[in-house]
Amino acid sequence: SKGTVKGLMPLVARLLDDRYKGAVGMPSR
């Protein structure tokens, strides 16, 4: 299931944090 955009946000945030160790931040909601 693709879920919702709300559910997608933490997955993308986790990927960015794992890959870039906080150097790349999430945009506003």
PDB file of all heavy atoms in Angstrom:
ATOM      1  N   SER A   1       0.843  -1.185   0.000  1.00  0.00           N
ATOM      2  CA  SER A   1       0.000   0.000   0.000  1.00  0.00           C
ATOM      3  C   SER A   1       0.882   1.239   0.000  1.00  0.00           C
ATOM      4  O   SER A   1       1.871   1.312   0.724  1.00  0.00           O
ATOM      5  CB  SER A   1      -0.885   0.021   1.250  1.00  0.00           C
ATOM      6  OG  SER A   1      -1.535   1.270   1.371  1.00  0.00           O
ATOM      7  N   LYS A   2       0.542   2.210  -0.811  1.00  0.00           N
ATOM      8  CA  LYS A   2       1.317   3.452  -0.868  1.00  0.00           C
ATOM      9  C   LYS A   2       1.087   4.310   0.372  1.00  0.00           C
ATOM     10  O   LYS A   2       1.855   5.203   0.662  1.00  0.00           O
ATOM     11  CB  LYS A   2       0.964   4.258  -2.126  1.00  0.00           C
ATOM     12  CG  LYS A   2       1.311   3.542  -3.412  1.00  0.00           C
ATOM     13  CD  LYS A   2       2.805   3.382  -3.576  1.00  0.00           C
ATOM     14  CE  LYS A   2       3.156   2.828  -4.925  1.00  0.00           C
ATOM     15  NZ  LYS A   2       3.455   1.426  -4.971  1.00  0.00           N
ATOM     16  N   GLY A   3       0.002   4.043   1.092  1.00  0.00           N
ATOM     17  CA  GLY A   3      -0.259   4.812   2.297  1.00  0.00           C
ATOM     18  C   GLY A   3      -0.644   6.241   1.976  1.00  0.00           C
ATOM     19  O   GLY A   3      -1.240   6.520   0.951  1.00  0.00           O
ATOM     20  N   THR A   4      -0.249   7.143   2.846  1.00  0.00           N
ATOM     21  CA  THR A   4      -0.583   8.552   2.687  1.00  0.00           C
ATOM     22  C   THR A   4       0.699   9.376   2.656  1.00  0.00           C
ATOM     23  O   THR A   4       1.780   8.888   3.005  1.00  0.00           O
ATOM     24  CB  THR A   4      -1.434   9.031   3.882  1.00  0.00           C
ATOM     25  OG1 THR A   4      -0.655   8.920   5.071  1.00  0.00           O
ATOM     26  CG2 THR A   4      -2.713   8.218   4.018  1.00  0.00           C
ATOM     27  N   VAL A   5       0.555  10.615   2.263  1.00  0.00           N
ATOM     28  CA  VAL A   5       1.706  11.520   2.279  1.00  0.00           C
ATOM     29  C   VAL A   5       2.187  11.681   3.714  1.00  0.00           C
ATOM     30  O   VAL A   5       3.388  11.713   3.968  1.00  0.00           O
ATOM     31  CB  VAL A   5       1.346  12.884   1.652  1.00  0.00           C
ATOM     32  CG1 VAL A   5       2.496  13.862   1.786  1.00  0.00           C
ATOM     33  CG2 VAL A   5       0.975  12.708   0.188  1.00  0.00           C
ATOM     34  N   LYS A   6       1.239  11.727   4.649  1.00  0.00           N
ATOM     35  CA  LYS A   6       1.611  11.851   6.060  1.00  0.00           C
ATOM     36  C   LYS A   6       2.483  10.671   6.492  1.00  0.00           C
ATOM     37  O   LYS A   6       3.446  10.828   7.238  1.00  0.00           O
ATOM     38  CB  LYS A   6       0.356  11.924   6.924  1.00  0.00           C
ATOM     39  CG  LYS A   6       0.623  12.139   8.381  1.00  0.00           C
ATOM     40  CD  LYS A   6      -0.669  12.252   9.154  1.00  0.00           C
ATOM     41  CE  LYS A   6      -0.390  12.456  10.621  1.00  0.00           C
ATOM     42  NZ  LYS A   6      -1.629  12.573  11.390  1.00  0.00           N
ATOM     43  N   GLY A   7       2.178   9.473   6.015  1.00  0.00           N
ATOM     44  CA  GLY A   7       2.974   8.301   6.337  1.00  0.00           C
ATOM     45  C   GLY A   7       4.288   8.250   5.584  1.00  0.00           C
ATOM     46  O   GLY A   7       5.251   7.619   6.024  1.00  0.00           O
ATOM     47  N   LEU A   8       4.336   8.918   4.439  1.00  0.00           N
ATOM     48  CA  LEU A   8       5.544   8.953   3.623  1.00  0.00           C
ATOM     49  C   LEU A   8       6.622   9.843   4.245  1.00  0.00           C
ATOM     50  O   LEU A   8       7.805   9.535   4.146  1.00  0.00           O
ATOM     51  CB  LEU A   8       5.177   9.469   2.228  1.00  0.00           C
ATOM     52  CG  LEU A   8       6.252   9.546   1.171  1.00  0.00           C
ATOM     53  CD1 LEU A   8       6.773   8.156   0.841  1.00  0.00           C
ATOM     54  CD2 LEU A   8       5.683  10.204  -0.094  1.00  0.00           C
ATOM     55  N   MET A   9       6.189  10.889   4.911  1.00  0.00           N
ATOM     56  CA  MET A   9       7.131  11.861   5.472  1.00  0.00           C
ATOM     57  C   MET A   9       8.170  11.237   6.405  1.00  0.00           C
ATOM     58  O   MET A   9       9.359  11.466   6.230  1.00  0.00           O
ATOM     59  CB  MET A   9       6.399  12.998   6.184  1.00  0.00           C
ATOM     60  CG  MET A   9       5.740  13.965   5.238  1.00  0.00           C
ATOM     61  SD  MET A   9       4.964  15.342   6.092  1.00  0.00           S
ATOM     62  CE  MET A   9       6.417  16.249   6.589  1.00  0.00           C
ATOM     63  N   PRO A  10       7.774  10.418   7.397  1.00  0.00           N
ATOM     64  CA  PRO A  10       8.795   9.856   8.291  1.00  0.00           C
ATOM     65  C   PRO A  10       9.732   8.887   7.576  1.00  0.00           C
ATOM     66  O   PRO A  10      10.909   8.776   7.939  1.00  0.00           O
ATOM     67  CB  PRO A  10       8.003   9.161   9.391  1.00  0.00           C
ATOM     68  CG  PRO A  10       6.595   9.140   8.955  1.00  0.00           C
ATOM     69  CD  PRO A  10       6.425  10.119   7.852  1.00  0.00           C
ATOM     70  N   LEU A  11       9.228   8.194   6.562  1.00  0.00           N
ATOM     71  CA  LEU A  11      10.086   7.276   5.814  1.00  0.00           C
ATOM     72  C   LEU A  11      11.156   8.038   5.041  1.00  0.00           C
ATOM     73  O   LEU A  11      12.321   7.646   5.019  1.00  0.00           O
ATOM     74  CB  LEU A  11       9.252   6.429   4.847  1.00  0.00           C
ATOM     75  CG  LEU A  11       8.213   5.513   5.493  1.00  0.00           C
ATOM     76  CD1 LEU A  11       7.351   4.849   4.428  1.00  0.00           C
ATOM     77  CD2 LEU A  11       8.877   4.485   6.379  1.00  0.00           C
ATOM     78  N   VAL A  12      10.758   9.148   4.429  1.00  0.00           N
ATOM     79  CA  VAL A  12      11.715   9.977   3.695  1.00  0.00           C
ATOM     80  C   VAL A  12      12.693  10.628   4.669  1.00  0.00           C
ATOM     81  O   VAL A  12      13.900  10.666   4.422  1.00  0.00           O
ATOM     82  CB  VAL A  12      10.989  11.038   2.837  1.00  0.00           C
ATOM     83  CG1 VAL A  12      11.965  12.024   2.227  1.00  0.00           C
ATOM     84  CG2 VAL A  12      10.161  10.354   1.749  1.00  0.00           C
ATOM     85  N   ALA A  13      12.183  11.112   5.807  1.00  0.00           N
ATOM     86  CA  ALA A  13      13.055  11.731   6.814  1.00  0.00           C
ATOM     87  C   ALA A  13      14.098  10.732   7.310  1.00  0.00           C
ATOM     88  O   ALA A  13      15.277  11.078   7.456  1.00  0.00           O
ATOM     89  CB  ALA A  13      12.223  12.255   7.981  1.00  0.00           C
ATOM     90  N   ARG A  14      13.680   9.482   7.538  1.00  0.00           N
ATOM     91  CA  ARG A  14      14.606   8.454   8.007  1.00  0.00           C
ATOM     92  C   ARG A  14      15.666   8.164   6.945  1.00  0.00           C
ATOM     93  O   ARG A  14      16.844   8.043   7.252  1.00  0.00           O
ATOM     94  CB  ARG A  14      13.852   7.178   8.358  1.00  0.00           C
ATOM     95  CG  ARG A  14      14.729   6.143   9.028  1.00  0.00           C
ATOM     96  CD  ARG A  14      13.978   4.921   9.516  1.00  0.00           C
ATOM     97  NE  ARG A  14      12.719   5.261  10.148  1.00  0.00           N
ATOM     98  CZ  ARG A  14      11.552   4.685   9.841  1.00  0.00           C
ATOM     99  NH1 ARG A  14      11.476   3.748   8.944  1.00  0.00           N
ATOM    100  NH2 ARG A  14      10.452   5.044  10.479  1.00  0.00           N
ATOM    101  N   LEU A  15      15.248   8.066   5.685  1.00  0.00           N
ATOM    102  CA  LEU A  15      16.198   7.814   4.605  1.00  0.00           C
ATOM    103  C   LEU A  15      17.232   8.933   4.526  1.00  0.00           C
ATOM    104  O   LEU A  15      18.427   8.680   4.426  1.00  0.00           O
ATOM    105  CB  LEU A  15      15.466   7.682   3.259  1.00  0.00           C
ATOM    106  CG  LEU A  15      16.389   7.501   2.085  1.00  0.00           C
ATOM    107  CD1 LEU A  15      16.300   6.072   1.580  1.00  0.00           C
ATOM    108  CD2 LEU A  15      16.051   8.458   0.979  1.00  0.00           C
ATOM    109  N   LEU A  16      16.763  10.183   4.589  1.00  0.00           N
ATOM    110  CA  LEU A  16      17.683  11.320   4.510  1.00  0.00           C
ATOM    111  C   LEU A  16      18.641  11.333   5.702  1.00  0.00           C
ATOM    112  O   LEU A  16      19.831  11.597   5.534  1.00  0.00           O
ATOM    113  CB  LEU A  16      16.905  12.634   4.438  1.00  0.00           C
ATOM    114  CG  LEU A  16      16.125  12.872   3.156  1.00  0.00           C
ATOM    115  CD1 LEU A  16      15.288  14.144   3.274  1.00  0.00           C
ATOM    116  CD2 LEU A  16      17.040  12.942   1.946  1.00  0.00           C
ATOM    117  N   ASP A  17      18.117  11.039   6.886  1.00  0.00           N
ATOM    118  CA  ASP A  17      18.969  11.042   8.072  1.00  0.00           C
ATOM    119  C   ASP A  17      20.000   9.914   8.017  1.00  0.00           C
ATOM    120  O   ASP A  17      21.174  10.125   8.325  1.00  0.00           O
ATOM    121  CB  ASP A  17      18.121  10.928   9.334  1.00  0.00           C
ATOM    122  CG  ASP A  17      18.938  11.184  10.584  1.00  0.00           C
ATOM    123  OD1 ASP A  17      19.699  12.175  10.612  1.00  0.00           O
ATOM    124  OD2 ASP A  17      18.829  10.380  11.535  1.00  0.00           O
ATOM    125  N   ASP A  18      19.561   8.727   7.602  1.00  0.00           N
ATOM    126  CA  ASP A  18      20.492   7.593   7.497  1.00  0.00           C
ATOM    127  C   ASP A  18      21.583   7.874   6.471  1.00  0.00           C
ATOM    128  O   ASP A  18      22.745   7.570   6.690  1.00  0.00           O
ATOM    129  CB  ASP A  18      19.759   6.311   7.095  1.00  0.00           C
ATOM    130  CG  ASP A  18      18.888   5.752   8.207  1.00  0.00           C
ATOM    131  OD1 ASP A  18      19.001   6.226   9.362  1.00  0.00           O
ATOM    132  OD2 ASP A  18      18.074   4.851   7.911  1.00  0.00           O
ATOM    133  N   ARG A  19      21.200   8.442   5.362  1.00  0.00           N
ATOM    134  CA  ARG A  19      22.147   8.651   4.277  1.00  0.00           C
ATOM    135  C   ARG A  19      23.037   9.873   4.495  1.00  0.00           C
ATOM    136  O   ARG A  19      24.222   9.835   4.195  1.00  0.00           O
ATOM    137  CB  ARG A  19      21.384   8.806   2.960  1.00  0.00           C
ATOM    138  CG  ARG A  19      22.317   8.926   1.767  1.00  0.00           C
ATOM    139  CD  ARG A  19      21.633   8.721   0.465  1.00  0.00           C
ATOM    140  NE  ARG A  19      21.132   7.369   0.390  1.00  0.00           N
ATOM    141  CZ  ARG A  19      20.151   6.986  -0.410  1.00  0.00           C
ATOM    142  NH1 ARG A  19      19.586   7.852  -1.200  1.00  0.00           N
ATOM    143  NH2 ARG A  19      19.751   5.743  -0.425  1.00  0.00           N
ATOM    144  N   TYR A  20      22.465  10.967   4.997  1.00  0.00           N
ATOM    145  CA  TYR A  20      23.207  12.232   5.069  1.00  0.00           C
ATOM    146  C   TYR A  20      23.510  12.691   6.491  1.00  0.00           C
ATOM    147  O   TYR A  20      24.058  13.766   6.686  1.00  0.00           O
ATOM    148  CB  TYR A  20      22.450  13.324   4.307  1.00  0.00           C
ATOM    149  CG  TYR A  20      22.267  12.974   2.857  1.00  0.00           C
ATOM    150  CD1 TYR A  20      21.032  12.561   2.371  1.00  0.00           C
ATOM    151  CD2 TYR A  20      23.335  13.024   1.971  1.00  0.00           C
ATOM    152  CE1 TYR A  20      20.863  12.218   1.034  1.00  0.00           C
ATOM    153  CE2 TYR A  20      23.177  12.693   0.635  1.00  0.00           C
ATOM    154  CZ  TYR A  20      21.938  12.292   0.176  1.00  0.00           C
ATOM    155  OH  TYR A  20      21.777  11.942  -1.143  1.00  0.00           O
ATOM    156  N   LYS A  21      23.157  11.884   7.474  1.00  0.00           N
ATOM    157  CA  LYS A  21      23.489  12.155   8.883  1.00  0.00           C
ATOM    158  C   LYS A  21      23.130  13.572   9.325  1.00  0.00           C
ATOM    159  O   LYS A  21      23.914  14.255   9.978  1.00  0.00           O
ATOM    160  CB  LYS A  21      24.974  11.895   9.144  1.00  0.00           C
ATOM    161  CG  LYS A  21      25.454  10.547   8.700  1.00  0.00           C
ATOM    162  CD  LYS A  21      24.777   9.436   9.454  1.00  0.00           C
ATOM    163  CE  LYS A  21      25.338   8.098   8.992  1.00  0.00           C
ATOM    164  NZ  LYS A  21      24.387   7.040   8.979  1.00  0.00           N
ATOM    165  N   GLY A  22      21.946  14.024   8.939  1.00  0.00           N
ATOM    166  CA  GLY A  22      21.464  15.325   9.371  1.00  0.00           C
ATOM    167  C   GLY A  22      21.901  16.494   8.508  1.00  0.00           C
ATOM    168  O   GLY A  22      21.492  17.621   8.747  1.00  0.00           O
ATOM    169  N   ALA A  23      22.736  16.252   7.497  1.00  0.00           N
ATOM    170  CA  ALA A  23      23.209  17.345   6.646  1.00  0.00           C
ATOM    171  C   ALA A  23      22.134  17.821   5.663  1.00  0.00           C
ATOM    172  O   ALA A  23      22.208  18.930   5.157  1.00  0.00           O
ATOM    173  CB  ALA A  23      24.459  16.922   5.872  1.00  0.00           C
ATOM    174  N   VAL A  24      21.143  16.972   5.407  1.00  0.00           N
ATOM    175  CA  VAL A  24      20.038  17.325   4.512  1.00  0.00           C
ATOM    176  C   VAL A  24      18.771  17.245   5.332  1.00  0.00           C
ATOM    177  O   VAL A  24      18.446  16.186   5.873  1.00  0.00           O
ATOM    178  CB  VAL A  24      19.953  16.363   3.305  1.00  0.00           C
ATOM    179  CG1 VAL A  24      18.731  16.670   2.461  1.00  0.00           C
ATOM    180  CG2 VAL A  24      21.218  16.434   2.473  1.00  0.00           C
ATOM    181  N   GLY A  25      18.073  18.358   5.438  1.00  0.00           N
ATOM    182  CA  GLY A  25      16.867  18.393   6.249  1.00  0.00           C
ATOM    183  C   GLY A  25      15.610  18.226   5.422  1.00  0.00           C
ATOM    184  O   GLY A  25      15.630  18.330   4.199  1.00  0.00           O
ATOM    185  N   MET A  26      14.537  17.945   6.113  1.00  0.00           N
ATOM    186  CA  MET A  26      13.229  17.835   5.478  1.00  0.00           C
ATOM    187  C   MET A  26      12.658  19.231   5.278  1.00  0.00           C
ATOM    188  O   MET A  26      12.847  20.109   6.109  1.00  0.00           O
ATOM    189  CB  MET A  26      12.276  17.057   6.390  1.00  0.00           C
ATOM    190  CG  MET A  26      12.511  15.580   6.405  1.00  0.00           C
ATOM    191  SD  MET A  26      12.004  14.774   4.894  1.00  0.00           S
ATOM    192  CE  MET A  26      10.224  14.902   4.999  1.00  0.00           C
ATOM    193  N   PRO A  27      11.920  19.419   4.185  1.00  0.00           N
ATOM    194  CA  PRO A  27      11.210  20.688   4.017  1.00  0.00           C
ATOM    195  C   PRO A  27      10.032  20.735   4.993  1.00  0.00           C
ATOM    196  O   PRO A  27       9.703  19.721   5.632  1.00  0.00           O
ATOM    197  CB  PRO A  27      10.720  20.629   2.567  1.00  0.00           C
ATOM    198  CG  PRO A  27      10.607  19.178   2.255  1.00  0.00           C
ATOM    199  CD  PRO A  27      11.693  18.505   3.067  1.00  0.00           C
ATOM    200  N   SER A  28       9.400  21.876   5.070  1.00  0.00           N
ATOM    201  CA  SER A  28       8.211  21.983   5.915  1.00  0.00           C
ATOM    202  C   SER A  28       7.144  21.022   5.397  1.00  0.00           C
ATOM    203  O   SER A  28       7.193  20.558   4.256  1.00  0.00           O
ATOM    204  CB  SER A  28       7.666  23.410   5.891  1.00  0.00           C
ATOM    205  OG  SER A  28       7.090  23.674   4.616  1.00  0.00           O
ATOM    206  N   ARG A  29       6.171  20.725   6.234  1.00  0.00           N
ATOM    207  CA  ARG A  29       5.101  19.817   5.832  1.00  0.00           C
ATOM    208  C   ARG A  29       4.363  20.342   4.603  1.00  0.00           C
ATOM    209  O   ARG A  29       4.085  19.588   3.671  1.00  0.00           O
ATOM    210  CB  ARG A  29       4.124  19.603   6.983  1.00  0.00           C
ATOM    211  CG  ARG A  29       3.022  18.631   6.598  1.00  0.00           C
ATOM    212  CD  ARG A  29       2.089  18.296   7.721  1.00  0.00           C
ATOM    213  NE  ARG A  29       1.897  19.404   8.629  1.00  0.00           N
ATOM    214  CZ  ARG A  29       1.348  19.317   9.812  1.00  0.00           C
ATOM    215  NH1 ARG A  29       0.943  18.159  10.243  1.00  0.00           N
ATOM    216  NH2 ARG A  29       1.197  20.370  10.578  1.00  0.00           N
TER     217      ARG A  29
END
